[in-house]
Amino acid sequence: METNKIRRNVILGILFFLPVGFLLMLYPSTHNYDPLEIVDEDVSDLQLFSSNTEDDVLLEDHITILGFFGNDPVKNVIAASNLKELVYDKFKGFKKFQIVIVLPKGTEAQAKALQKEINNYDDMRFWHYVFGQPNDIKTLFNSLKTEESLDDKLFTDHVFIVDKDVKQRGRLDDREEREIKKEIPAYPLYSYDCIEVAEVKNKMSDDLRILFTEYRQKRKGKFDSSARRKEDIKTDKK
């Protein structure tokens, strides 16, 4: 009887301390992750654009997902729905988070129609549309680091992450571990394809979590900028 009692206590002790020990091993590494890299420091803000709200919509002091949905946004409802369901619904509770969709002036009615298509009576206070002249849209887009281009309708299914300091974030090295082992040359990830569900759900969501963690650690005074990978940021566009 005494032996069974000892054995039971040992098993219970193992079951209790094993997960605790595992978490303690993980804890030292939580502050040593690589922050989401700055890929462009010269992103234009939105002073030249009007918005669908009474307040001015700006990139500064916000964590922004920036998209360009062209002069017929309703046709791009798949990209918008993926962005709403996989990103907006997940992060809308985070402080200073917003999604901004850039459209040409004159598409205000189409923006309202798109909103009806993707909104199931959810809180959309942090989803904004801004409207500008075609040349201003092109200037804004060209201020971003990207390998993509706008089509003749000012649309792209790729969206961008812009931080509170109006700097574009992304990955300078998007290789998977198996590609690194094979010594495949590094390639970047500057933007995220809204049509590719896996890319939005996995890569983009992970990168946003990393960025929110960075700002949370900065508020707590725990952020170590020396953890950033020492990569040269190229300033040439496209």
Protein backbone atom coordinates (compact mmCIF):
# COMPACT_ATOMS: atom_id res chain seq x y z
CA MET A 1 0.00 0.00 0.00
CA GLU A 2 2.84 2.37 0.96
CA THR A 3 4.65 1.58 -2.30
CA ASN A 4 1.57 2.37 -4.38
CA LYS A 5 1.16 5.67 -2.56
CA ILE A 6 4.77 6.64 -3.24
CA ARG A 7 4.44 5.62 -6.91
CA ARG A 8 1.26 7.70 -7.23
CA ASN A 9 2.92 10.75 -5.68
CA VAL A 10 5.93 10.40 -7.99
CA ILE A 11 3.68 10.20 -11.07
CA LEU A 12 1.64 13.20 -9.94
CA GLY A 13 4.84 15.13 -9.29
CA ILE A 14 6.15 14.35 -12.77
CA LEU A 15 2.86 15.32 -14.38
CA PHE A 16 2.92 18.64 -12.52
CA PHE A 17 6.56 19.64 -12.95
CA LEU A 18 7.08 18.43 -16.53
CA PRO A 19 4.97 21.17 -18.20
CA VAL A 20 6.30 23.76 -15.73
CA GLY A 21 9.87 22.80 -16.61
CA PHE A 22 9.05 22.95 -20.32
CA LEU A 23 7.67 26.48 -19.95
CA LEU A 24 10.73 27.55 -17.95
CA MET A 25 12.97 26.32 -20.76
CA LEU A 26 10.97 28.31 -23.28
CA TYR A 27 10.80 31.49 -21.23
CA PRO A 28 14.39 32.73 -21.75
CA SER A 29 13.87 32.62 -25.51
CA THR A 30 10.69 34.69 -25.52
CA HIS A 31 12.65 37.94 -25.54
CA ASN A 32 15.19 36.82 -28.14
CA TYR A 33 12.99 36.48 -31.20
CA ASP A 34 13.80 38.40 -34.37
CA PRO A 35 11.53 41.45 -34.65
CA LEU A 36 9.62 41.90 -37.88
CA GLU A 37 12.15 43.57 -40.13
CA ILE A 38 11.96 47.09 -41.51
CA VAL A 39 12.08 46.80 -45.28
CA ASP A 40 11.32 50.44 -46.16
CA GLU A 41 11.66 53.60 -44.07
CA ASP A 42 10.18 56.07 -46.56
CA VAL A 43 6.49 55.18 -46.80
CA SER A 44 4.23 58.14 -47.60
CA ASP A 45 1.36 58.96 -45.24
CA LEU A 46 -2.23 59.71 -46.22
CA GLN A 47 -2.51 63.50 -45.91
CA LEU A 48 -3.60 63.82 -49.55
CA PHE A 49 -6.47 61.33 -49.12
CA SER A 50 -10.00 61.80 -47.84
CA SER A 51 -11.69 59.10 -45.77
CA ASN A 52 -15.11 57.55 -45.26
CA THR A 53 -15.12 58.74 -41.64
CA GLU A 54 -15.33 62.12 -39.96
CA ASP A 55 -11.83 61.68 -38.57
CA ASP A 56 -8.63 61.84 -40.56
CA VAL A 57 -7.16 58.42 -41.34
CA LEU A 58 -3.36 58.36 -41.12
CA LEU A 59 -0.70 55.67 -40.92
CA GLU A 60 1.33 57.38 -38.21
CA ASP A 61 0.83 56.01 -34.69
CA HIS A 62 -1.06 52.95 -36.02
CA ILE A 63 -0.24 49.40 -36.99
CA THR A 64 -1.77 49.31 -40.45
CA ILE A 65 -2.62 46.77 -43.09
CA LEU A 66 -2.59 48.82 -46.29
CA GLY A 67 -4.41 47.60 -49.40
CA PHE A 68 -5.14 48.92 -52.90
CA PHE A 69 -8.47 47.69 -54.27
CA GLY A 70 -8.79 49.78 -57.42
CA ASN A 71 -11.70 51.51 -59.14
CA ASP A 72 -14.03 48.52 -58.98
CA PRO A 73 -13.52 47.18 -55.44
CA VAL A 74 -16.64 44.99 -55.39
CA LYS A 75 -14.98 42.73 -57.96
CA ASN A 76 -12.24 42.12 -55.41
CA VAL A 77 -14.56 40.81 -52.72
CA ILE A 78 -12.56 37.57 -52.30
CA ALA A 79 -9.41 39.46 -51.34
CA ALA A 80 -11.43 41.73 -49.05
CA SER A 81 -13.26 38.82 -47.41
CA ASN A 82 -10.02 36.93 -46.75
CA LEU A 83 -8.52 40.05 -45.20
CA LYS A 84 -11.59 40.64 -43.05
CA GLU A 85 -12.05 37.06 -41.84
CA LEU A 86 -8.41 36.03 -41.42
CA VAL A 87 -6.85 39.28 -40.22
CA TYR A 88 -9.34 41.95 -39.19
CA ASP A 89 -11.54 39.67 -37.07
CA LYS A 90 -8.45 38.33 -35.31
CA PHE A 91 -6.65 41.60 -34.54
CA LYS A 92 -9.38 44.26 -34.31
CA GLY A 93 -9.15 44.23 -30.52
CA PHE A 94 -5.47 45.22 -30.51
CA LYS A 95 -4.65 48.82 -29.67
CA LYS A 96 -3.97 51.09 -32.66
CA PHE A 97 -4.62 48.37 -35.24
CA GLN A 98 -6.36 49.35 -38.47
CA ILE A 99 -6.96 48.21 -42.02
CA VAL A 100 -6.88 50.94 -44.67
CA ILE A 101 -8.10 50.31 -48.22
CA VAL A 102 -6.96 52.86 -50.82
CA LEU A 103 -9.41 53.68 -53.61
CA PRO A 104 -9.70 56.31 -56.37
CA LYS A 105 -11.99 59.28 -55.80
CA GLY A 106 -15.43 58.58 -57.21
CA THR A 107 -15.62 55.04 -55.85
CA GLU A 108 -17.31 55.95 -52.57
CA ALA A 109 -20.51 54.13 -53.55
CA GLN A 110 -18.56 51.01 -54.54
CA ALA A 111 -16.77 51.11 -51.18
CA LYS A 112 -20.13 51.05 -49.39
CA ALA A 113 -21.22 48.12 -51.56
CA LEU A 114 -18.03 46.22 -50.74
CA GLN A 115 -18.54 46.92 -47.05
CA LYS A 116 -21.99 45.34 -47.21
CA GLU A 117 -20.54 42.27 -48.93
CA ILE A 118 -17.95 41.56 -46.24
CA ASN A 119 -19.64 42.89 -43.08
CA ASN A 120 -21.83 40.54 -41.08
CA TYR A 121 -22.89 43.28 -38.66
CA ASP A 122 -19.48 43.18 -37.03
CA ASP A 123 -17.64 46.09 -35.48
CA MET A 124 -15.88 47.70 -38.46
CA ARG A 125 -14.60 50.85 -36.74
CA PHE A 126 -11.02 49.93 -37.53
CA TRP A 127 -11.57 49.20 -41.23
CA HIS A 128 -11.23 52.38 -43.28
CA TYR A 129 -11.45 53.46 -46.90
CA VAL A 130 -9.45 56.42 -48.17
CA PHE A 131 -9.91 58.09 -51.53
CA GLY A 132 -7.37 59.89 -53.67
CA GLN A 133 -6.43 60.94 -57.16
CA PRO A 134 -4.84 58.21 -59.34
CA ASN A 135 -1.44 59.94 -59.30
CA ASP A 136 -1.52 60.19 -55.50
CA ILE A 137 -2.38 56.49 -55.27
CA LYS A 138 0.55 55.62 -57.53
CA THR A 139 2.88 57.83 -55.48
CA LEU A 140 1.79 56.12 -52.26
CA PHE A 141 2.20 52.68 -53.80
CA ASN A 142 5.63 53.56 -55.22
CA SER A 143 6.79 54.62 -51.75
CA LEU A 144 6.45 50.98 -50.67
CA LYS A 145 9.06 48.30 -51.16
CA THR A 146 7.46 45.73 -53.43
CA GLU A 147 8.01 43.34 -56.29
CA GLU A 148 4.35 43.72 -57.28
CA SER A 149 2.67 46.38 -59.39
CA LEU A 150 -0.73 48.04 -59.59
CA ASP A 151 -2.84 47.01 -62.56
CA ASP A 152 -4.50 49.53 -64.88
CA LYS A 153 -7.41 49.74 -62.41
CA LEU A 154 -5.09 50.61 -59.49
CA PHE A 155 -5.60 47.20 -57.89
CA THR A 156 -3.27 44.63 -56.40
CA ASP A 157 -4.21 41.61 -54.30
CA HIS A 158 -1.10 42.18 -52.17
CA VAL A 159 -1.31 44.13 -48.90
CA PHE A 160 1.40 45.70 -46.77
CA ILE A 161 2.21 46.02 -43.07
CA VAL A 162 3.11 49.57 -41.96
CA ASP A 163 4.16 50.28 -38.38
CA LYS A 164 3.47 53.23 -36.08
CA ASP A 165 6.50 55.10 -37.40
CA VAL A 166 5.21 54.78 -40.99
CA LYS A 167 7.85 52.19 -41.83
CA GLN A 168 7.06 49.12 -43.88
CA ARG A 169 7.62 45.78 -42.18
CA GLY A 170 8.22 42.38 -43.74
CA ARG A 171 10.84 39.67 -44.13
CA LEU A 172 14.23 40.15 -45.73
CA ASP A 173 14.69 36.38 -45.71
CA ASP A 174 11.51 34.36 -46.25
CA ARG A 175 13.21 31.01 -46.74
CA GLU A 176 11.92 27.96 -44.93
CA GLU A 177 14.32 25.84 -42.89
CA ARG A 178 14.61 23.21 -45.61
CA GLU A 179 15.54 25.91 -48.13
CA ILE A 180 18.22 27.28 -45.82
CA LYS A 181 19.69 23.78 -45.44
CA LYS A 182 19.80 23.47 -49.23
CA GLU A 183 21.58 26.86 -49.32
CA ILE A 184 18.94 28.39 -51.59
CA PRO A 185 19.65 32.13 -51.91
CA ALA A 186 17.62 34.37 -49.59
CA TYR A 187 14.51 36.02 -50.97
CA PRO A 188 12.27 38.65 -49.31
CA LEU A 189 8.60 38.92 -48.41
CA TYR A 190 7.56 42.55 -48.75
CA SER A 191 3.80 42.03 -49.07
CA TYR A 192 1.12 39.40 -48.52
CA ASP A 193 -1.21 37.96 -51.15
CA CYS A 194 -4.83 38.14 -49.93
CA ILE A 195 -5.91 35.49 -52.41
CA GLU A 196 -3.49 32.97 -50.89
CA VAL A 197 -5.31 31.92 -47.71
CA ALA A 198 -2.31 30.05 -46.28
CA GLU A 199 -0.07 33.08 -46.71
CA VAL A 200 -2.52 35.39 -44.94
CA LYS A 201 -3.49 32.89 -42.25
CA ASN A 202 0.04 31.79 -41.43
CA LYS A 203 2.76 34.21 -42.50
CA MET A 204 0.86 37.45 -42.20
CA SER A 205 -0.82 36.56 -38.91
CA ASP A 206 2.51 35.42 -37.45
CA ASP A 207 4.23 38.63 -38.56
CA LEU A 208 1.52 40.79 -37.02
CA ARG A 209 1.80 38.91 -33.72
CA ILE A 210 5.56 39.54 -33.73
CA LEU A 211 5.01 43.25 -34.36
CA PHE A 212 2.43 43.56 -31.58
CA THR A 213 4.83 41.72 -29.25
CA GLU A 214 7.57 44.20 -30.14
CA TYR A 215 5.40 47.18 -29.22
CA ARG A 216 4.17 45.50 -26.06
CA GLN A 217 7.77 44.88 -24.96
CA LYS A 218 8.71 48.45 -25.80
CA ARG A 219 5.95 49.69 -23.48
CA LYS A 220 7.31 47.46 -20.73
CA GLY A 221 10.92 48.46 -21.40
CA LYS A 222 11.89 44.90 -22.31
CA PHE A 223 12.54 45.30 -26.03
CA ASP A 224 16.12 44.68 -27.17
CA SER A 225 16.68 46.14 -30.62
CA SER A 226 20.04 44.37 -30.88
CA ALA A 227 18.10 41.16 -31.56
CA ARG A 228 17.23 42.44 -35.03
CA ARG A 229 19.01 40.59 -37.80
CA LYS A 230 21.87 42.72 -39.12
CA GLU A 231 20.70 43.05 -42.69
CA ASP A 232 21.26 46.02 -44.96
CA ILE A 233 17.97 47.64 -45.92
CA LYS A 234 18.05 48.50 -49.57
CA THR A 235 16.35 51.77 -50.34
CA ASP A 236 15.80 51.26 -54.03
CA LYS A 237 12.13 50.64 -54.94
CA LYS A 238 10.96 47.68 -56.98
